[in-house]
């Protein structure tokens, strides 16, 4: 699979009910497939990282990024979206 459609989504914030449900509902409604997911809760703080595929989504990356940030603000978590290729470039040592 080409990396250009793969996106890294990170979610960090105080743990509350419904974080995963809200984000996964958005992804499903926009035909964004979750390829990999990891989540932990440490001392009441929620942390999730997802790799998703936007190749069949009708929405462009920028619009999905903006809407996910808005969802994060609504539910009190910080959501960041980066294209996988950019994420990899930024985290090389």
C-alpha atoms as a PDB file:
ATOM      1  CA  UNK A   1       0.000   0.000   0.000  1.00  0.00           C
ATOM      2  CA  UNK A   2       1.244   3.458  -0.838  1.00  0.00           C
ATOM      3  CA  UNK A   3       2.118   5.576   2.177  1.00  0.00           C
ATOM      4  CA  UNK A   4       0.453   8.693   0.738  1.00  0.00           C
ATOM      5  CA  UNK A   5      -2.966   7.500   1.942  1.00  0.00           C
ATOM      6  CA  UNK A   6      -1.768   6.308   5.339  1.00  0.00           C
ATOM      7  CA  UNK A   7      -2.194   8.712   8.228  1.00  0.00           C
ATOM      8  CA  UNK A   8      -1.016   8.628  11.839  1.00  0.00           C
ATOM      9  CA  UNK A   9      -3.640   9.798  14.339  1.00  0.00           C
ATOM     10  CA  UNK A  10      -2.672  10.398  17.956  1.00  0.00           C
ATOM     11  CA  UNK A  11      -5.121  11.102  20.759  1.00  0.00           C
ATOM     12  CA  UNK A  12      -4.043  12.266  24.217  1.00  0.00           C
ATOM     13  CA  UNK A  13      -6.081  13.555  27.144  1.00  0.00           C
ATOM     14  CA  UNK A  14      -7.858  12.827  30.377  1.00  0.00           C
ATOM     15  CA  UNK A  15      -9.683   9.511  30.126  1.00  0.00           C
ATOM     16  CA  UNK A  16     -13.450   9.806  29.722  1.00  0.00           C
ATOM     17  CA  UNK A  17     -16.200   7.535  28.448  1.00  0.00           C
ATOM     18  CA  UNK A  18     -16.700   7.502  24.683  1.00  0.00           C
ATOM     19  CA  UNK A  19     -13.371   8.728  23.297  1.00  0.00           C
ATOM     20  CA  UNK A  20     -12.763   5.659  21.133  1.00  0.00           C
ATOM     21  CA  UNK A  21     -16.420   5.447  20.104  1.00  0.00           C
ATOM     22  CA  UNK A  22     -16.541   9.069  18.945  1.00  0.00           C
ATOM     23  CA  UNK A  23     -13.348   8.829  16.902  1.00  0.00           C
ATOM     24  CA  UNK A  24     -14.093   5.412  15.405  1.00  0.00           C
ATOM     25  CA  UNK A  25     -17.625   6.504  14.470  1.00  0.00           C
ATOM     26  CA  UNK A  26     -16.180   9.495  12.596  1.00  0.00           C
ATOM     27  CA  UNK A  27     -13.679   7.246  10.807  1.00  0.00           C
ATOM     28  CA  UNK A  28     -16.330   4.686   9.838  1.00  0.00           C
ATOM     29  CA  UNK A  29     -18.764   7.364   8.623  1.00  0.00           C
ATOM     30  CA  UNK A  30     -16.027   8.743   6.358  1.00  0.00           C
ATOM     31  CA  UNK A  31     -14.854   5.364   4.994  1.00  0.00           C
ATOM     32  CA  UNK A  32     -11.482   5.606   6.754  1.00  0.00           C
ATOM     33  CA  UNK A  33     -10.095   2.171   7.571  1.00  0.00           C
ATOM     34  CA  UNK A  34      -8.126   1.548  10.776  1.00  0.00           C
ATOM     35  CA  UNK A  35      -5.013  -0.466   9.892  1.00  0.00           C
ATOM     36  CA  UNK A  36      -3.452  -0.565  13.348  1.00  0.00           C
ATOM     37  CA  UNK A  37      -4.384   0.783  16.759  1.00  0.00           C
ATOM     38  CA  UNK A  38      -2.792   0.950  20.183  1.00  0.00           C
ATOM     39  CA  UNK A  39      -4.256   2.577  23.269  1.00  0.00           C
ATOM     40  CA  UNK A  40      -3.297   2.813  26.900  1.00  0.00           C
ATOM     41  CA  UNK A  41      -4.516   4.546  30.016  1.00  0.00           C
ATOM     42  CA  UNK A  42      -1.848   5.677  32.479  1.00  0.00           C
ATOM     43  CA  UNK A  43      -2.839   7.344  35.769  1.00  0.00           C
ATOM     44  CA  UNK A  44      -6.146   8.480  34.286  1.00  0.00           C
ATOM     45  CA  UNK A  45      -4.662   9.785  31.021  1.00  0.00           C
ATOM     46  CA  UNK A  46      -5.757   8.300  27.713  1.00  0.00           C
ATOM     47  CA  UNK A  47      -3.232   7.768  24.912  1.00  0.00           C
ATOM     48  CA  UNK A  48      -4.078   6.258  21.521  1.00  0.00           C
ATOM     49  CA  UNK A  49      -2.164   5.927  18.268  1.00  0.00           C
ATOM     50  CA  UNK A  50      -3.770   4.750  15.052  1.00  0.00           C
ATOM     51  CA  UNK A  51      -2.575   4.119  11.539  1.00  0.00           C
ATOM     52  CA  UNK A  52      -5.465   4.675   9.138  1.00  0.00           C
ATOM     53  CA  UNK A  53      -6.024   4.456   5.391  1.00  0.00           C
ATOM     54  CA  UNK A  54      -7.761   7.369   3.673  1.00  0.00           C
ATOM     55  CA  UNK A  55      -7.625   5.879   0.149  1.00  0.00           C
ATOM     56  CA  UNK A  56     -11.400   5.289  -0.137  1.00  0.00           C
ATOM     57  CA  UNK A  57     -12.550   8.319   1.857  1.00  0.00           C
ATOM     58  CA  UNK A  58     -14.419  11.002  -0.061  1.00  0.00           C
ATOM     59  CA  UNK A  59     -12.858  13.693   2.109  1.00  0.00           C
ATOM     60  CA  UNK A  60      -9.367  15.065   1.536  1.00  0.00           C
ATOM     61  CA  UNK A  61      -6.728  14.738   4.265  1.00  0.00           C
ATOM     62  CA  UNK A  62      -6.914  18.432   5.248  1.00  0.00           C
ATOM     63  CA  UNK A  63     -10.659  18.280   5.856  1.00  0.00           C
ATOM     64  CA  UNK A  64     -10.401  15.075   7.928  1.00  0.00           C
ATOM     65  CA  UNK A  65      -7.559  16.605   9.928  1.00  0.00           C
ATOM     66  CA  UNK A  66      -9.604  19.726  10.700  1.00  0.00           C
ATOM     67  CA  UNK A  67     -12.720  17.763  11.660  1.00  0.00           C
ATOM     68  CA  UNK A  68     -10.795  15.389  13.941  1.00  0.00           C
ATOM     69  CA  UNK A  69      -9.155  18.330  15.718  1.00  0.00           C
ATOM     70  CA  UNK A  70     -12.643  19.779  16.234  1.00  0.00           C
ATOM     71  CA  UNK A  71     -13.933  16.467  17.636  1.00  0.00           C
ATOM     72  CA  UNK A  72     -10.983  16.450  20.037  1.00  0.00           C
ATOM     73  CA  UNK A  73     -11.877  19.930  21.250  1.00  0.00           C
ATOM     74  CA  UNK A  74     -15.494  18.846  21.777  1.00  0.00           C
ATOM     75  CA  UNK A  75     -14.553  15.813  23.880  1.00  0.00           C
ATOM     76  CA  UNK A  76     -11.560  17.339  25.688  1.00  0.00           C
ATOM     77  CA  UNK A  77      -8.645  15.493  24.081  1.00  0.00           C
ATOM     78  CA  UNK A  78      -5.825  16.548  21.774  1.00  0.00           C
ATOM     79  CA  UNK A  79      -6.076  14.850  18.361  1.00  0.00           C
ATOM     80  CA  UNK A  80      -3.247  15.177  15.856  1.00  0.00           C
ATOM     81  CA  UNK A  81      -3.215  13.824  12.296  1.00  0.00           C
ATOM     82  CA  UNK A  82      -0.121  13.552  10.156  1.00  0.00           C
ATOM     83  CA  UNK A  83       0.481  11.822   6.877  1.00  0.00           C
ATOM     84  CA  UNK A  84       2.637   8.784   7.581  1.00  0.00           C
ATOM     85  CA  UNK A  85       5.452   9.946   5.299  1.00  0.00           C
ATOM     86  CA  UNK A  86       5.683  13.299   7.132  1.00  0.00           C
ATOM     87  CA  UNK A  87       5.480  11.593  10.532  1.00  0.00           C
ATOM     88  CA  UNK A  88       8.372   9.302   9.563  1.00  0.00           C
ATOM     89  CA  UNK A  89      10.486  12.211   8.309  1.00  0.00           C
ATOM     90  CA  UNK A  90       9.900  14.225  11.480  1.00  0.00           C
ATOM     91  CA  UNK A  91      10.841  11.337  13.764  1.00  0.00           C
ATOM     92  CA  UNK A  92      14.066  10.219  12.108  1.00  0.00           C
ATOM     93  CA  UNK A  93      17.180  10.546  14.194  1.00  0.00           C
END
